[in-house]
């Protein structure tokens, strides 16, 4: 079953733009962000460049899980927001 995905445009997708997006939308651990594969891969490369280490998975940024869109519904330079499955399993 595909969850309901709320789609938003965001260009470019960087750690700073993600921080601003998460803050503006007042997202918390109840939500999860899905990214297009190319945008997600670029974040992994940016993290490697910035911190000289690979990202740990699952990857959390400001308490929000960020993952690649496995449903193929999020286009490049878009952000998908869904209710976190892990959060729903806990409550």
C-alpha atoms as a PDB file:
ATOM      1  CA  UNK A   1       0.000   0.000   0.000  1.00  0.00           C
ATOM      2  CA  UNK A   2       1.331   3.419  -0.982  1.00  0.00           C
ATOM      3  CA  UNK A   3       0.977   6.022   1.766  1.00  0.00           C
ATOM      4  CA  UNK A   4      -0.459   9.464   1.051  1.00  0.00           C
ATOM      5  CA  UNK A   5       2.495  11.590  -0.054  1.00  0.00           C
ATOM      6  CA  UNK A   6       2.310  15.370   0.219  1.00  0.00           C
ATOM      7  CA  UNK A   7       4.523  16.805  -2.559  1.00  0.00           C
ATOM      8  CA  UNK A   8       6.406  20.142  -2.422  1.00  0.00           C
ATOM      9  CA  UNK A   9       8.827  21.755  -4.858  1.00  0.00           C
ATOM     10  CA  UNK A  10      12.305  22.605  -3.559  1.00  0.00           C
ATOM     11  CA  UNK A  11      15.256  23.645  -5.685  1.00  0.00           C
ATOM     12  CA  UNK A  12      18.057  23.140  -4.879  1.00  0.00           C
ATOM     13  CA  UNK A  13      17.800  20.392  -2.297  1.00  0.00           C
ATOM     14  CA  UNK A  14      20.644  20.956   0.153  1.00  0.00           C
ATOM     15  CA  UNK A  15      21.043  20.528   3.889  1.00  0.00           C
ATOM     16  CA  UNK A  16      20.327  24.242   4.341  1.00  0.00           C
ATOM     17  CA  UNK A  17      17.189  24.178   2.183  1.00  0.00           C
ATOM     18  CA  UNK A  18      16.011  21.026   4.011  1.00  0.00           C
ATOM     19  CA  UNK A  19      16.573  22.756   7.358  1.00  0.00           C
ATOM     20  CA  UNK A  20      14.544  25.764   6.224  1.00  0.00           C
ATOM     21  CA  UNK A  21      11.810  23.499   4.828  1.00  0.00           C
ATOM     22  CA  UNK A  22      11.554  21.413   8.019  1.00  0.00           C
ATOM     23  CA  UNK A  23      11.448  24.565  10.139  1.00  0.00           C
ATOM     24  CA  UNK A  24       8.889  26.337   7.939  1.00  0.00           C
ATOM     25  CA  UNK A  25       6.579  23.300   7.854  1.00  0.00           C
ATOM     26  CA  UNK A  26       7.117  22.661  11.594  1.00  0.00           C
ATOM     27  CA  UNK A  27       7.803  18.971  10.942  1.00  0.00           C
ATOM     28  CA  UNK A  28       8.651  16.624  13.797  1.00  0.00           C
ATOM     29  CA  UNK A  29       9.458  12.924  14.222  1.00  0.00           C
ATOM     30  CA  UNK A  30       5.887  12.080  13.251  1.00  0.00           C
ATOM     31  CA  UNK A  31       6.868  12.781   9.615  1.00  0.00           C
ATOM     32  CA  UNK A  32       9.334  11.386   7.112  1.00  0.00           C
ATOM     33  CA  UNK A  33      10.797  13.108   4.042  1.00  0.00           C
ATOM     34  CA  UNK A  34      11.150  11.247   0.758  1.00  0.00           C
ATOM     35  CA  UNK A  35      13.494  12.444  -1.975  1.00  0.00           C
ATOM     36  CA  UNK A  36      14.026  11.511  -5.610  1.00  0.00           C
ATOM     37  CA  UNK A  37      16.961   9.116  -5.992  1.00  0.00           C
ATOM     38  CA  UNK A  38      19.245  11.706  -7.631  1.00  0.00           C
ATOM     39  CA  UNK A  39      18.530  14.312  -4.931  1.00  0.00           C
ATOM     40  CA  UNK A  40      19.073  11.747  -2.187  1.00  0.00           C
ATOM     41  CA  UNK A  41      22.356  10.616  -3.779  1.00  0.00           C
ATOM     42  CA  UNK A  42      23.509  14.239  -3.964  1.00  0.00           C
ATOM     43  CA  UNK A  43      22.828  14.675  -0.225  1.00  0.00           C
ATOM     44  CA  UNK A  44      24.960  11.590   0.463  1.00  0.00           C
ATOM     45  CA  UNK A  45      27.793  13.104  -1.616  1.00  0.00           C
ATOM     46  CA  UNK A  46      27.395  16.505   0.098  1.00  0.00           C
ATOM     47  CA  UNK A  47      27.578  14.814   3.500  1.00  0.00           C
ATOM     48  CA  UNK A  48      30.722  12.919   2.491  1.00  0.00           C
ATOM     49  CA  UNK A  49      32.333  16.137   1.234  1.00  0.00           C
ATOM     50  CA  UNK A  50      31.342  18.219   4.271  1.00  0.00           C
ATOM     51  CA  UNK A  51      32.077  15.719   7.038  1.00  0.00           C
ATOM     52  CA  UNK A  52      34.590  13.391   5.347  1.00  0.00           C
ATOM     53  CA  UNK A  53      32.448  10.416   6.378  1.00  0.00           C
ATOM     54  CA  UNK A  54      29.526   8.538   4.942  1.00  0.00           C
ATOM     55  CA  UNK A  55      26.008   8.987   6.270  1.00  0.00           C
ATOM     56  CA  UNK A  56      24.554   6.482   8.694  1.00  0.00           C
ATOM     57  CA  UNK A  57      21.290   4.855   7.713  1.00  0.00           C
ATOM     58  CA  UNK A  58      18.540   5.345   8.465  1.00  0.00           C
ATOM     59  CA  UNK A  59      19.458   9.012   8.119  1.00  0.00           C
ATOM     60  CA  UNK A  60      17.864  11.565  10.444  1.00  0.00           C
ATOM     61  CA  UNK A  61      18.189  15.312  10.006  1.00  0.00           C
ATOM     62  CA  UNK A  62      16.739  17.547  12.722  1.00  0.00           C
ATOM     63  CA  UNK A  63      14.898  14.493  14.029  1.00  0.00           C
ATOM     64  CA  UNK A  64      13.219  13.777  10.669  1.00  0.00           C
ATOM     65  CA  UNK A  65      13.999  10.598   8.761  1.00  0.00           C
ATOM     66  CA  UNK A  66      15.150  11.384   5.220  1.00  0.00           C
ATOM     67  CA  UNK A  67      14.976   8.550   2.710  1.00  0.00           C
ATOM     68  CA  UNK A  68      14.862   7.777  -0.976  1.00  0.00           C
ATOM     69  CA  UNK A  69      11.380   7.558  -2.491  1.00  0.00           C
ATOM     70  CA  UNK A  70      10.755   3.835  -3.036  1.00  0.00           C
ATOM     71  CA  UNK A  71       7.252   4.535  -4.390  1.00  0.00           C
ATOM     72  CA  UNK A  72       8.525   6.518  -7.432  1.00  0.00           C
ATOM     73  CA  UNK A  73       6.072   9.351  -6.776  1.00  0.00           C
ATOM     74  CA  UNK A  74       8.538  12.138  -5.928  1.00  0.00           C
ATOM     75  CA  UNK A  75      10.153  13.845  -8.923  1.00  0.00           C
ATOM     76  CA  UNK A  76      13.550  15.467  -8.978  1.00  0.00           C
ATOM     77  CA  UNK A  77      13.647  18.687  -6.923  1.00  0.00           C
ATOM     78  CA  UNK A  78      10.537  17.706  -5.016  1.00  0.00           C
ATOM     79  CA  UNK A  79      10.093  16.685  -1.407  1.00  0.00           C
ATOM     80  CA  UNK A  80       7.557  14.117  -0.347  1.00  0.00           C
ATOM     81  CA  UNK A  81       6.177  14.199   3.186  1.00  0.00           C
ATOM     82  CA  UNK A  82       4.520  11.157   4.720  1.00  0.00           C
ATOM     83  CA  UNK A  83       3.574  10.122   8.215  1.00  0.00           C
ATOM     84  CA  UNK A  84       6.459   8.082   9.564  1.00  0.00           C
ATOM     85  CA  UNK A  85       5.684   4.360   9.603  1.00  0.00           C
ATOM     86  CA  UNK A  86       7.953   3.921  12.606  1.00  0.00           C
ATOM     87  CA  UNK A  87       6.059   6.631  14.477  1.00  0.00           C
ATOM     88  CA  UNK A  88       2.717   5.043  13.601  1.00  0.00           C
ATOM     89  CA  UNK A  89       3.946   1.634  14.783  1.00  0.00           C
ATOM     90  CA  UNK A  90       4.961   3.091  18.136  1.00  0.00           C
ATOM     91  CA  UNK A  91       1.654   4.846  18.838  1.00  0.00           C
END
